[in-house]
Protein backbone atom coordinates (compact mmCIF):
# COMPACT_ATOMS: atom_id res chain seq x y z
CA UNK A 1 0.00 0.00 0.00
CA UNK A 2 1.46 3.41 -0.93
CA UNK A 3 2.27 5.79 1.84
CA UNK A 4 0.82 9.26 1.33
CA UNK A 5 2.91 12.17 2.50
CA UNK A 6 2.07 15.85 2.69
CA UNK A 7 4.39 18.73 1.83
CA UNK A 8 3.82 22.43 2.44
CA UNK A 9 4.85 24.86 -0.30
CA UNK A 10 5.84 28.50 0.24
CA UNK A 11 2.21 29.64 0.17
CA UNK A 12 1.11 27.22 2.94
CA UNK A 13 -0.92 25.09 0.52
CA UNK A 14 -0.82 21.36 1.14
CA UNK A 15 0.41 19.29 -1.80
CA UNK A 16 -0.03 15.49 -1.59
CA UNK A 17 2.50 13.22 -3.26
CA UNK A 18 3.40 9.54 -3.38
CA UNK A 19 6.91 8.15 -3.56
CA UNK A 20 8.22 4.60 -3.63
CA UNK A 21 11.51 2.88 -2.88
CA UNK A 22 12.10 -0.37 -4.74
CA UNK A 23 14.88 -2.92 -4.36
CA UNK A 24 15.95 -5.56 -6.88
CA UNK A 25 18.32 -8.50 -6.55
CA UNK A 26 20.58 -8.89 -9.59
CA UNK A 27 22.49 -11.93 -10.86
CA UNK A 28 25.81 -10.10 -11.26
CA UNK A 29 27.71 -6.87 -10.64
CA UNK A 30 27.52 -6.27 -14.40
CA UNK A 31 23.72 -6.44 -14.25
CA UNK A 32 23.69 -3.88 -11.42
CA UNK A 33 25.96 -1.50 -13.36
CA UNK A 34 24.06 -2.08 -16.62
CA UNK A 35 20.67 -1.25 -15.10
CA UNK A 36 22.03 1.92 -13.47
CA UNK A 37 23.60 2.95 -16.80
CA UNK A 38 20.31 2.37 -18.66
CA UNK A 39 18.41 4.38 -16.05
CA UNK A 40 20.81 7.32 -16.34
CA UNK A 41 20.73 7.15 -20.16
CA UNK A 42 16.93 7.28 -19.97
CA UNK A 43 16.92 10.46 -17.87
CA UNK A 44 17.23 9.04 -14.34
CA UNK A 45 19.91 10.10 -11.89
CA UNK A 46 22.14 8.66 -9.21
CA UNK A 47 23.42 10.38 -6.10
CA UNK A 48 25.95 7.82 -4.95
CA UNK A 49 28.73 5.54 -6.11
CA UNK A 50 28.58 1.74 -6.20
CA UNK A 51 29.38 0.10 -2.87
CA UNK A 52 31.48 -3.08 -2.88
CA UNK A 53 31.46 -5.05 0.37
CA UNK A 54 33.19 -8.10 -1.10
CA UNK A 55 30.23 -10.47 -0.73
CA UNK A 56 27.69 -7.77 -1.68
CA UNK A 57 27.65 -5.09 -4.39
CA UNK A 58 25.05 -2.29 -4.48
CA UNK A 59 24.19 0.80 -6.48
CA UNK A 60 21.03 2.89 -6.86
CA UNK A 61 19.22 5.37 -9.06
CA UNK A 62 16.16 7.63 -9.04
CA UNK A 63 13.72 7.30 -11.95
CA UNK A 64 11.87 10.11 -13.74
CA UNK A 65 8.91 9.81 -11.34
CA UNK A 66 11.18 10.31 -8.32
CA UNK A 67 11.15 6.69 -7.17
CA UNK A 68 14.37 5.31 -5.73
CA UNK A 69 15.69 1.96 -6.95
CA UNK A 70 18.26 -0.01 -4.97
CA UNK A 71 20.08 -2.76 -6.86
CA UNK A 72 22.01 -5.48 -5.07
CA UNK A 73 24.14 -8.47 -6.04
CA UNK A 74 25.19 -10.96 -3.36
CA UNK A 75 27.91 -13.42 -4.37
CA UNK A 76 28.05 -15.36 -1.10
CA UNK A 77 27.13 -14.99 2.53
CA UNK A 78 29.98 -13.63 4.71
CA UNK A 79 31.81 -16.16 6.85
C-alpha atoms as a PDB file:
ATOM      1  CA  UNK A   1       0.000   0.000   0.000  1.00  0.00           C
ATOM      2  CA  UNK A   2       1.461   3.406  -0.930  1.00  0.00           C
ATOM      3  CA  UNK A   3       2.268   5.795   1.840  1.00  0.00           C
ATOM      4  CA  UNK A   4       0.823   9.257   1.330  1.00  0.00           C
ATOM      5  CA  UNK A   5       2.910  12.169   2.495  1.00  0.00           C
ATOM      6  CA  UNK A   6       2.074  15.850   2.690  1.00  0.00           C
ATOM      7  CA  UNK A   7       4.394  18.727   1.831  1.00  0.00           C
ATOM      8  CA  UNK A   8       3.820  22.429   2.435  1.00  0.00           C
ATOM      9  CA  UNK A   9       4.851  24.863  -0.298  1.00  0.00           C
ATOM     10  CA  UNK A  10       5.840  28.496   0.244  1.00  0.00           C
ATOM     11  CA  UNK A  11       2.205  29.644   0.165  1.00  0.00           C
ATOM     12  CA  UNK A  12       1.108  27.222   2.938  1.00  0.00           C
ATOM     13  CA  UNK A  13      -0.917  25.089   0.518  1.00  0.00           C
ATOM     14  CA  UNK A  14      -0.816  21.362   1.136  1.00  0.00           C
ATOM     15  CA  UNK A  15       0.414  19.293  -1.800  1.00  0.00           C
ATOM     16  CA  UNK A  16      -0.034  15.492  -1.591  1.00  0.00           C
ATOM     17  CA  UNK A  17       2.504  13.221  -3.257  1.00  0.00           C
ATOM     18  CA  UNK A  18       3.398   9.544  -3.382  1.00  0.00           C
ATOM     19  CA  UNK A  19       6.911   8.147  -3.562  1.00  0.00           C
ATOM     20  CA  UNK A  20       8.218   4.598  -3.634  1.00  0.00           C
ATOM     21  CA  UNK A  21      11.509   2.884  -2.877  1.00  0.00           C
ATOM     22  CA  UNK A  22      12.104  -0.371  -4.744  1.00  0.00           C
ATOM     23  CA  UNK A  23      14.884  -2.925  -4.364  1.00  0.00           C
ATOM     24  CA  UNK A  24      15.948  -5.560  -6.878  1.00  0.00           C
ATOM     25  CA  UNK A  25      18.317  -8.497  -6.547  1.00  0.00           C
ATOM     26  CA  UNK A  26      20.581  -8.887  -9.588  1.00  0.00           C
ATOM     27  CA  UNK A  27      22.486 -11.930 -10.856  1.00  0.00           C
ATOM     28  CA  UNK A  28      25.809 -10.097 -11.255  1.00  0.00           C
ATOM     29  CA  UNK A  29      27.707  -6.870 -10.645  1.00  0.00           C
ATOM     30  CA  UNK A  30      27.525  -6.267 -14.399  1.00  0.00           C
ATOM     31  CA  UNK A  31      23.722  -6.436 -14.253  1.00  0.00           C
ATOM     32  CA  UNK A  32      23.692  -3.877 -11.419  1.00  0.00           C
ATOM     33  CA  UNK A  33      25.963  -1.501 -13.365  1.00  0.00           C
ATOM     34  CA  UNK A  34      24.057  -2.082 -16.623  1.00  0.00           C
ATOM     35  CA  UNK A  35      20.670  -1.251 -15.098  1.00  0.00           C
ATOM     36  CA  UNK A  36      22.029   1.923 -13.474  1.00  0.00           C
ATOM     37  CA  UNK A  37      23.604   2.954 -16.804  1.00  0.00           C
ATOM     38  CA  UNK A  38      20.309   2.372 -18.658  1.00  0.00           C
ATOM     39  CA  UNK A  39      18.405   4.382 -16.053  1.00  0.00           C
ATOM     40  CA  UNK A  40      20.807   7.316 -16.340  1.00  0.00           C
ATOM     41  CA  UNK A  41      20.727   7.146 -20.160  1.00  0.00           C
ATOM     42  CA  UNK A  42      16.928   7.283 -19.969  1.00  0.00           C
ATOM     43  CA  UNK A  43      16.919  10.458 -17.869  1.00  0.00           C
ATOM     44  CA  UNK A  44      17.228   9.043 -14.345  1.00  0.00           C
ATOM     45  CA  UNK A  45      19.909  10.101 -11.893  1.00  0.00           C
ATOM     46  CA  UNK A  46      22.141   8.664  -9.210  1.00  0.00           C
ATOM     47  CA  UNK A  47      23.424  10.377  -6.105  1.00  0.00           C
ATOM     48  CA  UNK A  48      25.946   7.820  -4.947  1.00  0.00           C
ATOM     49  CA  UNK A  49      28.725   5.542  -6.112  1.00  0.00           C
ATOM     50  CA  UNK A  50      28.576   1.744  -6.197  1.00  0.00           C
ATOM     51  CA  UNK A  51      29.379   0.103  -2.870  1.00  0.00           C
ATOM     52  CA  UNK A  52      31.480  -3.080  -2.879  1.00  0.00           C
ATOM     53  CA  UNK A  53      31.461  -5.046   0.374  1.00  0.00           C
ATOM     54  CA  UNK A  54      33.188  -8.100  -1.104  1.00  0.00           C
ATOM     55  CA  UNK A  55      30.231 -10.473  -0.733  1.00  0.00           C
ATOM     56  CA  UNK A  56      27.686  -7.767  -1.675  1.00  0.00           C
ATOM     57  CA  UNK A  57      27.646  -5.086  -4.389  1.00  0.00           C
ATOM     58  CA  UNK A  58      25.049  -2.292  -4.479  1.00  0.00           C
ATOM     59  CA  UNK A  59      24.187   0.802  -6.476  1.00  0.00           C
ATOM     60  CA  UNK A  60      21.031   2.887  -6.856  1.00  0.00           C
ATOM     61  CA  UNK A  61      19.223   5.373  -9.056  1.00  0.00           C
ATOM     62  CA  UNK A  62      16.162   7.627  -9.045  1.00  0.00           C
ATOM     63  CA  UNK A  63      13.723   7.304 -11.951  1.00  0.00           C
ATOM     64  CA  UNK A  64      11.874  10.115 -13.738  1.00  0.00           C
ATOM     65  CA  UNK A  65       8.914   9.806 -11.341  1.00  0.00           C
ATOM     66  CA  UNK A  66      11.178  10.314  -8.325  1.00  0.00           C
ATOM     67  CA  UNK A  67      11.148   6.691  -7.169  1.00  0.00           C
ATOM     68  CA  UNK A  68      14.372   5.312  -5.735  1.00  0.00           C
ATOM     69  CA  UNK A  69      15.688   1.962  -6.952  1.00  0.00           C
ATOM     70  CA  UNK A  70      18.259  -0.012  -4.970  1.00  0.00           C
ATOM     71  CA  UNK A  71      20.079  -2.763  -6.862  1.00  0.00           C
ATOM     72  CA  UNK A  72      22.007  -5.482  -5.070  1.00  0.00           C
ATOM     73  CA  UNK A  73      24.136  -8.474  -6.042  1.00  0.00           C
ATOM     74  CA  UNK A  74      25.195 -10.956  -3.364  1.00  0.00           C
ATOM     75  CA  UNK A  75      27.906 -13.418  -4.371  1.00  0.00           C
ATOM     76  CA  UNK A  76      28.049 -15.364  -1.099  1.00  0.00           C
ATOM     77  CA  UNK A  77      27.134 -14.987   2.526  1.00  0.00           C
ATOM     78  CA  UNK A  78      29.978 -13.630   4.710  1.00  0.00           C
ATOM     79  CA  UNK A  79      31.807 -16.158   6.851  1.00  0.00           C
END
